[in-house]
């Protein structure tokens, strides 16, 4: 009888433990919305990319997720399409295992934004080096460069290395701006929308895009102009970039060779304008990417310009004469506010003394 009682007690304890385990498993397993039906409702890139390994899950804070990225999306990629898109982009650079490590170390929110910061740094460096290298080849290595520099000075290697070092060091802080921008969009503090339908269709999208870009262009003009007219800001923030003040000291590598605060201030109109102008998120991202390429182009000191575009010839004048040509892409703002200086001579020509 005692033996039966003993074994009965053990069986009871075992059954209770199993029931408790099942109840715990039921409470801690997250019912992910990434089913076939739900996936069709999630805007691009959808949600199928989250289930990278059907035989593996990620347990965090008593919740089971498909992966570290699924955890960053809290199991519901359709709840925040912008966050889903950014997590998808992150997955091209960092593995799901890396995402899991970030979640475990920083938590879901900080882990997501910390990983996005790392993505911005890697992507920013990649775009900078690849774009600058391509421009470098066509400006200084391609056979046509002999014709370009037959009567002008070539940039010295020491100048290029100085620009690379300054640009690389600025990236650490500079890439924080898009992280903050994404946070504003994801938390609903801006008028930025993820789909064209949310903007009212194609026609409103086109109108809002033009208005948004015009506001950004005006904002950058006045921010850049203020960095010159405000003596303290020029001395402590913007002057570092203007040490490259001659044609032969400007190169494509100078695009982000600045104080990172300088870069953030000049780029912030892209963020500020989203607060009061409706815009399309992916179009906004394309504009920011375009700006990175454009910044490389306007520092190459070549004479490839088409008015009213604020090309490299105009921007070279800005570096050599300081108080002209503050615009980013077009000459309209400088023409309207009286700061336009049209270059009339070939850039960087060595003038012979009589």
C-alpha atoms as a PDB file:
ATOM      1  CA  UNK A   1       0.000   0.000   0.000  1.00  0.00           C
ATOM      2  CA  UNK A   2       2.796   2.420   0.865  1.00  0.00           C
ATOM      3  CA  UNK A   3       4.514   1.534  -2.405  1.00  0.00           C
ATOM      4  CA  UNK A   4       1.329   2.215  -4.356  1.00  0.00           C
ATOM      5  CA  UNK A   5       0.913   5.494  -2.516  1.00  0.00           C
ATOM      6  CA  UNK A   6       4.500   6.408  -3.231  1.00  0.00           C
ATOM      7  CA  UNK A   7       4.242   5.636  -6.953  1.00  0.00           C
ATOM      8  CA  UNK A   8       0.835   7.281  -7.080  1.00  0.00           C
ATOM      9  CA  UNK A   9       2.350  10.476  -5.675  1.00  0.00           C
ATOM     10  CA  UNK A  10       5.189  10.360  -8.191  1.00  0.00           C
ATOM     11  CA  UNK A  11       2.692   9.864 -11.039  1.00  0.00           C
ATOM     12  CA  UNK A  12       0.566  12.739  -9.781  1.00  0.00           C
ATOM     13  CA  UNK A  13       3.604  15.048  -9.581  1.00  0.00           C
ATOM     14  CA  UNK A  14       4.736  13.980 -13.051  1.00  0.00           C
ATOM     15  CA  UNK A  15       1.284  14.595 -14.570  1.00  0.00           C
ATOM     16  CA  UNK A  16       1.089  17.991 -12.886  1.00  0.00           C
ATOM     17  CA  UNK A  17       4.518  18.879 -14.219  1.00  0.00           C
ATOM     18  CA  UNK A  18       3.540  17.837 -17.750  1.00  0.00           C
ATOM     19  CA  UNK A  19       0.311  19.819 -17.558  1.00  0.00           C
ATOM     20  CA  UNK A  20       2.182  22.827 -16.233  1.00  0.00           C
ATOM     21  CA  UNK A  21       4.724  22.500 -19.032  1.00  0.00           C
ATOM     22  CA  UNK A  22       1.968  22.288 -21.656  1.00  0.00           C
ATOM     23  CA  UNK A  23       0.207  25.296 -20.155  1.00  0.00           C
ATOM     24  CA  UNK A  24       3.496  27.207 -20.099  1.00  0.00           C
ATOM     25  CA  UNK A  25       4.196  26.230 -23.698  1.00  0.00           C
ATOM     26  CA  UNK A  26       0.704  27.354 -24.684  1.00  0.00           C
ATOM     27  CA  UNK A  27       1.198  30.715 -22.966  1.00  0.00           C
ATOM     28  CA  UNK A  28       4.705  31.299 -24.293  1.00  0.00           C
ATOM     29  CA  UNK A  29       4.252  30.259 -27.924  1.00  0.00           C
ATOM     30  CA  UNK A  30       3.415  33.247 -30.082  1.00  0.00           C
ATOM     31  CA  UNK A  31       0.733  32.748 -32.691  1.00  0.00           C
ATOM     32  CA  UNK A  32       2.612  34.363 -35.547  1.00  0.00           C
ATOM     33  CA  UNK A  33       0.487  36.107 -38.150  1.00  0.00           C
ATOM     34  CA  UNK A  34       2.850  35.083 -40.935  1.00  0.00           C
ATOM     35  CA  UNK A  35       0.462  32.518 -42.417  1.00  0.00           C
ATOM     36  CA  UNK A  36      -0.228  32.290 -46.129  1.00  0.00           C
ATOM     37  CA  UNK A  37      -3.441  34.305 -45.742  1.00  0.00           C
ATOM     38  CA  UNK A  38      -1.862  36.996 -43.589  1.00  0.00           C
ATOM     39  CA  UNK A  39       1.247  37.174 -45.790  1.00  0.00           C
ATOM     40  CA  UNK A  40      -0.865  38.288 -48.742  1.00  0.00           C
ATOM     41  CA  UNK A  41      -2.063  41.287 -46.721  1.00  0.00           C
ATOM     42  CA  UNK A  42       1.396  42.500 -45.741  1.00  0.00           C
ATOM     43  CA  UNK A  43       2.754  45.152 -48.143  1.00  0.00           C
ATOM     44  CA  UNK A  44       6.080  44.607 -49.886  1.00  0.00           C
ATOM     45  CA  UNK A  45       8.292  42.748 -48.988  1.00  0.00           C
ATOM     46  CA  UNK A  46       5.571  40.617 -47.400  1.00  0.00           C
ATOM     47  CA  UNK A  47       6.265  38.224 -44.538  1.00  0.00           C
ATOM     48  CA  UNK A  48       7.440  34.978 -46.131  1.00  0.00           C
ATOM     49  CA  UNK A  49      11.060  36.102 -45.738  1.00  0.00           C
ATOM     50  CA  UNK A  50      10.751  35.721 -41.955  1.00  0.00           C
ATOM     51  CA  UNK A  51      10.422  31.909 -41.964  1.00  0.00           C
ATOM     52  CA  UNK A  52      14.002  31.238 -43.046  1.00  0.00           C
ATOM     53  CA  UNK A  53      14.190  27.901 -41.220  1.00  0.00           C
ATOM     54  CA  UNK A  54      11.032  25.914 -40.482  1.00  0.00           C
ATOM     55  CA  UNK A  55      12.932  23.670 -38.072  1.00  0.00           C
ATOM     56  CA  UNK A  56      14.169  26.498 -35.901  1.00  0.00           C
ATOM     57  CA  UNK A  57      12.433  29.091 -33.714  1.00  0.00           C
ATOM     58  CA  UNK A  58      13.576  31.836 -31.372  1.00  0.00           C
ATOM     59  CA  UNK A  59      12.396  32.052 -27.780  1.00  0.00           C
ATOM     60  CA  UNK A  60      12.596  35.438 -26.112  1.00  0.00           C
ATOM     61  CA  UNK A  61      10.860  36.660 -22.975  1.00  0.00           C
ATOM     62  CA  UNK A  62       8.625  33.565 -22.882  1.00  0.00           C
ATOM     63  CA  UNK A  63       7.431  34.131 -26.460  1.00  0.00           C
ATOM     64  CA  UNK A  64       8.350  31.908 -29.389  1.00  0.00           C
ATOM     65  CA  UNK A  65       9.100  33.661 -32.694  1.00  0.00           C
ATOM     66  CA  UNK A  66      10.032  32.416 -36.150  1.00  0.00           C
ATOM     67  CA  UNK A  67      13.380  34.207 -35.948  1.00  0.00           C
ATOM     68  CA  UNK A  68      15.183  37.172 -34.427  1.00  0.00           C
ATOM     69  CA  UNK A  69      13.668  39.390 -37.110  1.00  0.00           C
ATOM     70  CA  UNK A  70      10.198  38.076 -36.329  1.00  0.00           C
ATOM     71  CA  UNK A  71      10.845  39.068 -32.716  1.00  0.00           C
ATOM     72  CA  UNK A  72      11.820  42.582 -33.814  1.00  0.00           C
ATOM     73  CA  UNK A  73       8.461  42.749 -35.595  1.00  0.00           C
ATOM     74  CA  UNK A  74       6.743  41.281 -32.518  1.00  0.00           C
ATOM     75  CA  UNK A  75       5.341  38.487 -34.636  1.00  0.00           C
ATOM     76  CA  UNK A  76       3.205  40.846 -36.713  1.00  0.00           C
ATOM     77  CA  UNK A  77       4.982  42.214 -39.823  1.00  0.00           C
ATOM     78  CA  UNK A  78       1.767  43.750 -41.115  1.00  0.00           C
ATOM     79  CA  UNK A  79       1.373  45.995 -38.078  1.00  0.00           C
ATOM     80  CA  UNK A  80       4.190  48.283 -39.194  1.00  0.00           C
ATOM     81  CA  UNK A  81       5.140  47.955 -42.898  1.00  0.00           C
ATOM     82  CA  UNK A  82       8.019  50.447 -42.552  1.00  0.00           C
ATOM     83  CA  UNK A  83       9.576  48.413 -39.767  1.00  0.00           C
ATOM     84  CA  UNK A  84       9.011  45.219 -41.765  1.00  0.00           C
ATOM     85  CA  UNK A  85      10.761  46.763 -44.773  1.00  0.00           C
ATOM     86  CA  UNK A  86      13.732  47.889 -42.692  1.00  0.00           C
ATOM     87  CA  UNK A  87      14.035  44.508 -40.996  1.00  0.00           C
ATOM     88  CA  UNK A  88      13.973  42.885 -44.436  1.00  0.00           C
ATOM     89  CA  UNK A  89      16.774  45.168 -45.632  1.00  0.00           C
ATOM     90  CA  UNK A  90      18.737  44.359 -42.476  1.00  0.00           C
ATOM     91  CA  UNK A  91      18.439  40.655 -43.260  1.00  0.00           C
ATOM     92  CA  UNK A  92      20.542  41.105 -46.403  1.00  0.00           C
ATOM     93  CA  UNK A  93      23.465  42.244 -44.273  1.00  0.00           C
ATOM     94  CA  UNK A  94      22.964  40.459 -40.950  1.00  0.00           C
ATOM     95  CA  UNK A  95      21.844  36.867 -40.439  1.00  0.00           C
ATOM     96  CA  UNK A  96      18.797  35.978 -38.331  1.00  0.00           C
ATOM     97  CA  UNK A  97      21.225  34.595 -35.748  1.00  0.00           C
ATOM     98  CA  UNK A  98      22.804  38.051 -35.482  1.00  0.00           C
ATOM     99  CA  UNK A  99      19.351  39.585 -35.087  1.00  0.00           C
ATOM    100  CA  UNK A 100      18.681  37.155 -32.245  1.00  0.00           C
ATOM    101  CA  UNK A 101      21.902  38.196 -30.509  1.00  0.00           C
ATOM    102  CA  UNK A 102      20.920  41.863 -30.765  1.00  0.00           C
ATOM    103  CA  UNK A 103      17.481  41.129 -29.293  1.00  0.00           C
ATOM    104  CA  UNK A 104      18.972  39.109 -26.440  1.00  0.00           C
ATOM    105  CA  UNK A 105      21.537  41.789 -25.636  1.00  0.00           C
ATOM    106  CA  UNK A 106      19.556  45.006 -26.208  1.00  0.00           C
ATOM    107  CA  UNK A 107      15.932  43.900 -26.091  1.00  0.00           C
ATOM    108  CA  UNK A 108      13.447  44.015 -28.972  1.00  0.00           C
ATOM    109  CA  UNK A 109      13.208  47.791 -29.458  1.00  0.00           C
ATOM    110  CA  UNK A 110      16.816  48.789 -28.885  1.00  0.00           C
ATOM    111  CA  UNK A 111      18.010  45.637 -30.636  1.00  0.00           C
ATOM    112  CA  UNK A 112      16.082  46.556 -33.763  1.00  0.00           C
ATOM    113  CA  UNK A 113      17.368  50.137 -33.848  1.00  0.00           C
ATOM    114  CA  UNK A 114      20.929  49.110 -32.943  1.00  0.00           C
ATOM    115  CA  UNK A 115      20.923  46.659 -35.845  1.00  0.00           C
ATOM    116  CA  UNK A 116      19.494  49.339 -38.141  1.00  0.00           C
ATOM    117  CA  UNK A 117      22.293  51.671 -37.076  1.00  0.00           C
ATOM    118  CA  UNK A 118      24.864  49.013 -37.956  1.00  0.00           C
ATOM    119  CA  UNK A 119      23.142  48.491 -41.300  1.00  0.00           C
ATOM    120  CA  UNK A 120      23.269  52.217 -42.033  1.00  0.00           C
ATOM    121  CA  UNK A 121      26.956  52.303 -41.187  1.00  0.00           C
ATOM    122  CA  UNK A 122      27.807  49.330 -43.401  1.00  0.00           C
ATOM    123  CA  UNK A 123      25.575  50.499 -46.244  1.00  0.00           C
ATOM    124  CA  UNK A 124      26.795  54.094 -45.940  1.00  0.00           C
ATOM    125  CA  UNK A 125      30.423  53.008 -46.116  1.00  0.00           C
ATOM    126  CA  UNK A 126      29.664  50.713 -49.052  1.00  0.00           C
ATOM    127  CA  UNK A 127      27.888  53.433 -51.034  1.00  0.00           C
ATOM    128  CA  UNK A 128      30.620  55.951 -50.223  1.00  0.00           C
ATOM    129  CA  UNK A 129      33.541  53.755 -51.280  1.00  0.00           C
ATOM    130  CA  UNK A 130      31.894  52.209 -54.341  1.00  0.00           C
ATOM    131  CA  UNK A 131      30.454  55.467 -55.682  1.00  0.00           C
ATOM    132  CA  UNK A 132      33.624  57.447 -55.023  1.00  0.00           C
ATOM    133  CA  UNK A 133      35.768  54.722 -56.593  1.00  0.00           C
ATOM    134  CA  UNK A 134      33.656  54.728 -59.763  1.00  0.00           C
ATOM    135  CA  UNK A 135      33.868  58.516 -60.065  1.00  0.00           C
ATOM    136  CA  UNK A 136      37.588  58.335 -59.241  1.00  0.00           C
ATOM    137  CA  UNK A 137      38.168  55.947 -62.134  1.00  0.00           C
ATOM    138  CA  UNK A 138      36.403  58.098 -64.705  1.00  0.00           C
ATOM    139  CA  UNK A 139      37.913  61.340 -63.405  1.00  0.00           C
ATOM    140  CA  UNK A 140      41.526  60.304 -62.826  1.00  0.00           C
ATOM    141  CA  UNK A 141      42.244  56.881 -64.372  1.00  0.00           C
ATOM    142  CA  UNK A 142      40.196  56.609 -67.549  1.00  0.00           C
ATOM    143  CA  UNK A 143      42.125  57.648 -70.706  1.00  0.00           C
ATOM    144  CA  UNK A 144      39.954  60.767 -71.016  1.00  0.00           C
ATOM    145  CA  UNK A 145      41.545  62.066 -67.799  1.00  0.00           C
ATOM    146  CA  UNK A 146      44.678  62.944 -69.764  1.00  0.00           C
ATOM    147  CA  UNK A 147      42.658  65.411 -71.773  1.00  0.00           C
ATOM    148  CA  UNK A 148      40.842  66.736 -68.684  1.00  0.00           C
ATOM    149  CA  UNK A 149      44.030  67.430 -66.743  1.00  0.00           C
ATOM    150  CA  UNK A 150      46.296  68.582 -69.543  1.00  0.00           C
ATOM    151  CA  UNK A 151      45.968  72.164 -68.311  1.00  0.00           C
ATOM    152  CA  UNK A 152      44.917  71.727 -64.673  1.00  0.00           C
ATOM    153  CA  UNK A 153      46.336  70.196 -61.494  1.00  0.00           C
ATOM    154  CA  UNK A 154      45.436  66.699 -60.362  1.00  0.00           C
ATOM    155  CA  UNK A 155      44.480  66.189 -56.723  1.00  0.00           C
ATOM    156  CA  UNK A 156      47.336  64.843 -54.643  1.00  0.00           C
ATOM    157  CA  UNK A 157      47.056  61.417 -53.046  1.00  0.00           C
ATOM    158  CA  UNK A 158      47.495  62.956 -49.588  1.00  0.00           C
ATOM    159  CA  UNK A 159      44.379  65.096 -50.149  1.00  0.00           C
ATOM    160  CA  UNK A 160      42.308  62.073 -51.151  1.00  0.00           C
ATOM    161  CA  UNK A 161      43.504  60.067 -48.141  1.00  0.00           C
ATOM    162  CA  UNK A 162      42.647  62.988 -45.852  1.00  0.00           C
ATOM    163  CA  UNK A 163      39.140  63.124 -47.286  1.00  0.00           C
ATOM    164  CA  UNK A 164      38.656  59.369 -46.879  1.00  0.00           C
ATOM    165  CA  UNK A 165      39.795  59.478 -43.253  1.00  0.00           C
ATOM    166  CA  UNK A 166      37.480  62.400 -42.462  1.00  0.00           C
ATOM    167  CA  UNK A 167      34.526  60.815 -44.268  1.00  0.00           C
ATOM    168  CA  UNK A 168      35.001  57.478 -42.530  1.00  0.00           C
ATOM    169  CA  UNK A 169      35.157  59.068 -39.091  1.00  0.00           C
ATOM    170  CA  UNK A 170      32.031  61.164 -39.774  1.00  0.00           C
ATOM    171  CA  UNK A 171      29.976  58.112 -40.685  1.00  0.00           C
ATOM    172  CA  UNK A 172      29.820  56.888 -37.089  1.00  0.00           C
ATOM    173  CA  UNK A 173      27.576  59.785 -36.088  1.00  0.00           C
ATOM    174  CA  UNK A 174      26.143  60.765 -39.476  1.00  0.00           C
ATOM    175  CA  UNK A 175      24.236  57.484 -39.942  1.00  0.00           C
ATOM    176  CA  UNK A 176      22.283  58.066 -36.726  1.00  0.00           C
ATOM    177  CA  UNK A 177      19.992  60.516 -38.533  1.00  0.00           C
ATOM    178  CA  UNK A 178      18.210  57.897 -40.682  1.00  0.00           C
ATOM    179  CA  UNK A 179      17.727  55.744 -37.561  1.00  0.00           C
ATOM    180  CA  UNK A 180      15.978  58.661 -35.866  1.00  0.00           C
ATOM    181  CA  UNK A 181      14.032  59.350 -39.066  1.00  0.00           C
ATOM    182  CA  UNK A 182      12.788  55.756 -39.217  1.00  0.00           C
ATOM    183  CA  UNK A 183      11.772  55.912 -35.560  1.00  0.00           C
ATOM    184  CA  UNK A 184       9.677  59.022 -36.241  1.00  0.00           C
ATOM    185  CA  UNK A 185       7.982  57.354 -39.204  1.00  0.00           C
ATOM    186  CA  UNK A 186       7.381  54.034 -37.454  1.00  0.00           C
ATOM    187  CA  UNK A 187       5.927  55.716 -34.375  1.00  0.00           C
ATOM    188  CA  UNK A 188       3.525  57.772 -36.500  1.00  0.00           C
ATOM    189  CA  UNK A 189       4.984  61.205 -35.813  1.00  0.00           C
ATOM    190  CA  UNK A 190       5.286  62.096 -39.508  1.00  0.00           C
ATOM    191  CA  UNK A 191       2.940  62.329 -42.485  1.00  0.00           C
ATOM    192  CA  UNK A 192       4.986  59.720 -44.326  1.00  0.00           C
ATOM    193  CA  UNK A 193       2.977  56.805 -45.750  1.00  0.00           C
ATOM    194  CA  UNK A 194       4.135  53.391 -46.869  1.00  0.00           C
ATOM    195  CA  UNK A 195       1.801  52.804 -49.814  1.00  0.00           C
ATOM    196  CA  UNK A 196       0.631  55.026 -52.651  1.00  0.00           C
ATOM    197  CA  UNK A 197      -2.973  54.142 -51.815  1.00  0.00           C
ATOM    198  CA  UNK A 198      -2.540  55.707 -48.374  1.00  0.00           C
ATOM    199  CA  UNK A 199      -1.662  58.961 -50.132  1.00  0.00           C
ATOM    200  CA  UNK A 200      -4.868  58.829 -52.166  1.00  0.00           C
ATOM    201  CA  UNK A 201      -3.604  57.317 -55.415  1.00  0.00           C
ATOM    202  CA  UNK A 202      -1.076  58.071 -58.139  1.00  0.00           C
ATOM    203  CA  UNK A 203      -1.980  61.724 -58.805  1.00  0.00           C
ATOM    204  CA  UNK A 204      -1.846  62.828 -55.136  1.00  0.00           C
ATOM    205  CA  UNK A 205       1.379  60.815 -54.799  1.00  0.00           C
ATOM    206  CA  UNK A 206       2.986  62.736 -57.668  1.00  0.00           C
ATOM    207  CA  UNK A 207       1.826  66.087 -56.286  1.00  0.00           C
ATOM    208  CA  UNK A 208       2.991  65.331 -52.757  1.00  0.00           C
ATOM    209  CA  UNK A 209       6.344  64.085 -54.072  1.00  0.00           C
ATOM    210  CA  UNK A 210       6.965  67.347 -55.944  1.00  0.00           C
ATOM    211  CA  UNK A 211       5.901  69.430 -52.934  1.00  0.00           C
ATOM    212  CA  UNK A 212       8.019  67.363 -50.555  1.00  0.00           C
ATOM    213  CA  UNK A 213      11.122  67.584 -52.746  1.00  0.00           C
ATOM    214  CA  UNK A 214      10.631  71.335 -53.240  1.00  0.00           C
ATOM    215  CA  UNK A 215      10.386  71.847 -49.474  1.00  0.00           C
ATOM    216  CA  UNK A 216      13.514  69.732 -48.949  1.00  0.00           C
ATOM    217  CA  UNK A 217      15.376  71.738 -51.583  1.00  0.00           C
ATOM    218  CA  UNK A 218      14.402  75.032 -49.924  1.00  0.00           C
ATOM    219  CA  UNK A 219      15.243  73.679 -46.486  1.00  0.00           C
ATOM    220  CA  UNK A 220      18.700  72.502 -47.546  1.00  0.00           C
ATOM    221  CA  UNK A 221      19.383  75.818 -49.262  1.00  0.00           C
ATOM    222  CA  UNK A 222      18.660  77.813 -46.113  1.00  0.00           C
ATOM    223  CA  UNK A 223      20.417  75.390 -43.807  1.00  0.00           C
ATOM    224  CA  UNK A 224      23.519  75.455 -45.998  1.00  0.00           C
ATOM    225  CA  UNK A 225      23.372  79.232 -46.299  1.00  0.00           C
ATOM    226  CA  UNK A 226      23.016  79.582 -42.518  1.00  0.00           C
ATOM    227  CA  UNK A 227      26.092  77.412 -42.013  1.00  0.00           C
ATOM    228  CA  UNK A 228      27.974  80.112 -43.936  1.00  0.00           C
ATOM    229  CA  UNK A 229      26.352  83.284 -42.626  1.00  0.00           C
ATOM    230  CA  UNK A 230      26.365  82.277 -38.958  1.00  0.00           C
ATOM    231  CA  UNK A 231      29.973  82.850 -37.938  1.00  0.00           C
ATOM    232  CA  UNK A 232      29.940  80.418 -35.027  1.00  0.00           C
ATOM    233  CA  UNK A 233      28.383  77.614 -37.085  1.00  0.00           C
ATOM    234  CA  UNK A 234      30.773  78.199 -39.943  1.00  0.00           C
ATOM    235  CA  UNK A 235      33.855  78.232 -37.732  1.00  0.00           C
ATOM    236  CA  UNK A 236      32.969  75.247 -35.558  1.00  0.00           C
ATOM    237  CA  UNK A 237      30.913  73.094 -37.928  1.00  0.00           C
ATOM    238  CA  UNK A 238      31.108  73.881 -41.643  1.00  0.00           C
ATOM    239  CA  UNK A 239      34.601  75.260 -42.143  1.00  0.00           C
ATOM    240  CA  UNK A 240      36.164  71.809 -41.868  1.00  0.00           C
ATOM    241  CA  UNK A 241      34.578  70.841 -45.176  1.00  0.00           C
ATOM    242  CA  UNK A 242      35.687  74.095 -46.769  1.00  0.00           C
ATOM    243  CA  UNK A 243      39.367  73.477 -46.223  1.00  0.00           C
ATOM    244  CA  UNK A 244      39.012  71.934 -49.681  1.00  0.00           C
ATOM    245  CA  UNK A 245      38.729  75.331 -51.330  1.00  0.00           C
ATOM    246  CA  UNK A 246      40.419  74.878 -54.688  1.00  0.00           C
ATOM    247  CA  UNK A 247      39.568  72.734 -57.693  1.00  0.00           C
ATOM    248  CA  UNK A 248      42.602  70.493 -57.198  1.00  0.00           C
ATOM    249  CA  UNK A 249      41.699  69.865 -53.550  1.00  0.00           C
ATOM    250  CA  UNK A 250      38.151  68.752 -54.351  1.00  0.00           C
ATOM    251  CA  UNK A 251      37.507  65.147 -55.328  1.00  0.00           C
ATOM    252  CA  UNK A 252      34.582  62.698 -55.274  1.00  0.00           C
ATOM    253  CA  UNK A 253      36.008  61.455 -51.960  1.00  0.00           C
ATOM    254  CA  UNK A 254      35.121  64.816 -50.361  1.00  0.00           C
ATOM    255  CA  UNK A 255      31.371  64.160 -50.575  1.00  0.00           C
ATOM    256  CA  UNK A 256      30.980  63.404 -46.854  1.00  0.00           C
ATOM    257  CA  UNK A 257      34.354  64.654 -45.662  1.00  0.00           C
ATOM    258  CA  UNK A 258      32.816  66.937 -43.068  1.00  0.00           C
ATOM    259  CA  UNK A 259      31.955  67.378 -39.431  1.00  0.00           C
ATOM    260  CA  UNK A 260      29.133  64.824 -38.905  1.00  0.00           C
ATOM    261  CA  UNK A 261      26.991  67.547 -37.318  1.00  0.00           C
ATOM    262  CA  UNK A 262      27.378  69.449 -40.584  1.00  0.00           C
ATOM    263  CA  UNK A 263      26.078  66.478 -42.546  1.00  0.00           C
ATOM    264  CA  UNK A 264      23.175  65.922 -40.165  1.00  0.00           C
ATOM    265  CA  UNK A 265      22.119  69.580 -40.312  1.00  0.00           C
ATOM    266  CA  UNK A 266      22.171  69.650 -44.110  1.00  0.00           C
ATOM    267  CA  UNK A 267      20.275  66.367 -44.365  1.00  0.00           C
ATOM    268  CA  UNK A 268      17.694  67.133 -41.667  1.00  0.00           C
ATOM    269  CA  UNK A 269      15.244  68.862 -44.078  1.00  0.00           C
ATOM    270  CA  UNK A 270      14.514  65.372 -45.426  1.00  0.00           C
ATOM    271  CA  UNK A 271      13.297  64.501 -41.935  1.00  0.00           C
ATOM    272  CA  UNK A 272      11.700  67.800 -40.897  1.00  0.00           C
ATOM    273  CA  UNK A 273       9.616  68.086 -44.065  1.00  0.00           C
ATOM    274  CA  UNK A 274       8.039  64.682 -43.384  1.00  0.00           C
ATOM    275  CA  UNK A 275       6.454  66.179 -40.282  1.00  0.00           C
ATOM    276  CA  UNK A 276       4.110  68.419 -42.294  1.00  0.00           C
ATOM    277  CA  UNK A 277       4.244  67.218 -45.924  1.00  0.00           C
ATOM    278  CA  UNK A 278       2.732  63.850 -46.902  1.00  0.00           C
ATOM    279  CA  UNK A 279       5.244  61.688 -48.721  1.00  0.00           C
ATOM    280  CA  UNK A 280       5.828  58.110 -49.809  1.00  0.00           C
ATOM    281  CA  UNK A 281       8.317  56.251 -47.622  1.00  0.00           C
ATOM    282  CA  UNK A 282      10.093  54.283 -50.352  1.00  0.00           C
ATOM    283  CA  UNK A 283      10.304  57.396 -52.528  1.00  0.00           C
ATOM    284  CA  UNK A 284      11.834  59.209 -49.550  1.00  0.00           C
ATOM    285  CA  UNK A 285      14.422  56.409 -49.219  1.00  0.00           C
ATOM    286  CA  UNK A 286      15.230  56.667 -52.930  1.00  0.00           C
ATOM    287  CA  UNK A 287      15.735  60.418 -52.571  1.00  0.00           C
ATOM    288  CA  UNK A 288      18.141  59.931 -49.675  1.00  0.00           C
ATOM    289  CA  UNK A 289      20.072  57.317 -51.666  1.00  0.00           C
ATOM    290  CA  UNK A 290      20.140  59.646 -54.669  1.00  0.00           C
ATOM    291  CA  UNK A 291      21.553  62.389 -52.446  1.00  0.00           C
ATOM    292  CA  UNK A 292      24.523  60.175 -51.567  1.00  0.00           C
ATOM    293  CA  UNK A 293      25.308  59.696 -55.265  1.00  0.00           C
ATOM    294  CA  UNK A 294      24.648  63.352 -56.016  1.00  0.00           C
ATOM    295  CA  UNK A 295      26.988  64.542 -53.284  1.00  0.00           C
ATOM    296  CA  UNK A 296      29.775  62.500 -54.848  1.00  0.00           C
ATOM    297  CA  UNK A 297      29.091  63.968 -58.271  1.00  0.00           C
ATOM    298  CA  UNK A 298      29.072  67.638 -57.248  1.00  0.00           C
ATOM    299  CA  UNK A 299      32.521  67.321 -55.692  1.00  0.00           C
ATOM    300  CA  UNK A 300      34.283  65.828 -58.724  1.00  0.00           C
ATOM    301  CA  UNK A 301      35.075  69.321 -60.202  1.00  0.00           C
ATOM    302  CA  UNK A 302      34.243  68.186 -63.721  1.00  0.00           C
ATOM    303  CA  UNK A 303      32.445  70.412 -66.220  1.00  0.00           C
ATOM    304  CA  UNK A 304      29.480  68.135 -66.877  1.00  0.00           C
ATOM    305  CA  UNK A 305      26.516  70.411 -66.184  1.00  0.00           C
ATOM    306  CA  UNK A 306      23.017  70.937 -67.554  1.00  0.00           C
ATOM    307  CA  UNK A 307      21.168  74.033 -66.335  1.00  0.00           C
ATOM    308  CA  UNK A 308      19.171  74.477 -64.136  1.00  0.00           C
ATOM    309  CA  UNK A 309      20.903  71.603 -62.377  1.00  0.00           C
ATOM    310  CA  UNK A 310      23.296  72.589 -59.577  1.00  0.00           C
ATOM    311  CA  UNK A 311      26.082  70.405 -60.946  1.00  0.00           C
ATOM    312  CA  UNK A 312      29.714  70.006 -59.986  1.00  0.00           C
ATOM    313  CA  UNK A 313      30.813  73.130 -61.848  1.00  0.00           C
ATOM    314  CA  UNK A 314      28.448  75.245 -59.736  1.00  0.00           C
ATOM    315  CA  UNK A 315      29.484  73.519 -56.540  1.00  0.00           C
ATOM    316  CA  UNK A 316      33.153  74.068 -57.276  1.00  0.00           C
ATOM    317  CA  UNK A 317      32.384  77.788 -57.401  1.00  0.00           C
ATOM    318  CA  UNK A 318      30.727  77.403 -54.009  1.00  0.00           C
ATOM    319  CA  UNK A 319      33.931  75.959 -52.544  1.00  0.00           C
ATOM    320  CA  UNK A 320      36.176  78.595 -54.100  1.00  0.00           C
ATOM    321  CA  UNK A 321      33.946  81.635 -53.460  1.00  0.00           C
ATOM    322  CA  UNK A 322      32.030  80.545 -50.303  1.00  0.00           C
ATOM    323  CA  UNK A 323      28.939  82.791 -50.513  1.00  0.00           C
ATOM    324  CA  UNK A 324      27.358  81.459 -53.698  1.00  0.00           C
ATOM    325  CA  UNK A 325      25.494  78.380 -54.947  1.00  0.00           C
ATOM    326  CA  UNK A 326      24.065  76.926 -51.734  1.00  0.00           C
ATOM    327  CA  UNK A 327      21.445  74.769 -53.462  1.00  0.00           C
ATOM    328  CA  UNK A 328      21.475  70.997 -53.536  1.00  0.00           C
ATOM    329  CA  UNK A 329      20.116  69.794 -56.897  1.00  0.00           C
ATOM    330  CA  UNK A 330      18.743  72.856 -58.697  1.00  0.00           C
ATOM    331  CA  UNK A 331      19.750  76.494 -59.101  1.00  0.00           C
ATOM    332  CA  UNK A 332      16.237  77.873 -58.455  1.00  0.00           C
ATOM    333  CA  UNK A 333      16.741  78.830 -54.798  1.00  0.00           C
ATOM    334  CA  UNK A 334      20.036  80.603 -55.456  1.00  0.00           C
ATOM    335  CA  UNK A 335      18.535  82.427 -58.440  1.00  0.00           C
ATOM    336  CA  UNK A 336      15.489  83.530 -56.413  1.00  0.00           C
ATOM    337  CA  UNK A 337      17.404  84.657 -53.309  1.00  0.00           C
ATOM    338  CA  UNK A 338      20.291  86.267 -55.191  1.00  0.00           C
ATOM    339  CA  UNK A 339      23.169  83.897 -54.386  1.00  0.00           C
ATOM    340  CA  UNK A 340      23.619  82.282 -57.788  1.00  0.00           C
ATOM    341  CA  UNK A 341      26.991  82.594 -59.450  1.00  0.00           C
ATOM    342  CA  UNK A 342      27.131  81.054 -62.920  1.00  0.00           C
ATOM    343  CA  UNK A 343      30.547  79.572 -63.794  1.00  0.00           C
ATOM    344  CA  UNK A 344      31.762  80.916 -67.121  1.00  0.00           C
ATOM    345  CA  UNK A 345      35.238  79.415 -67.374  1.00  0.00           C
ATOM    346  CA  UNK A 346      36.503  75.872 -67.512  1.00  0.00           C
ATOM    347  CA  UNK A 347      37.069  74.504 -64.021  1.00  0.00           C
ATOM    348  CA  UNK A 348      40.560  74.496 -62.539  1.00  0.00           C
ATOM    349  CA  UNK A 349      42.438  75.932 -65.496  1.00  0.00           C
ATOM    350  CA  UNK A 350      46.014  76.945 -64.680  1.00  0.00           C
ATOM    351  CA  UNK A 351      46.332  80.533 -65.825  1.00  0.00           C
ATOM    352  CA  UNK A 352      49.654  81.368 -67.416  1.00  0.00           C
ATOM    353  CA  UNK A 353      51.466  84.428 -66.191  1.00  0.00           C
ATOM    354  CA  UNK A 354      52.422  87.055 -68.721  1.00  0.00           C
END
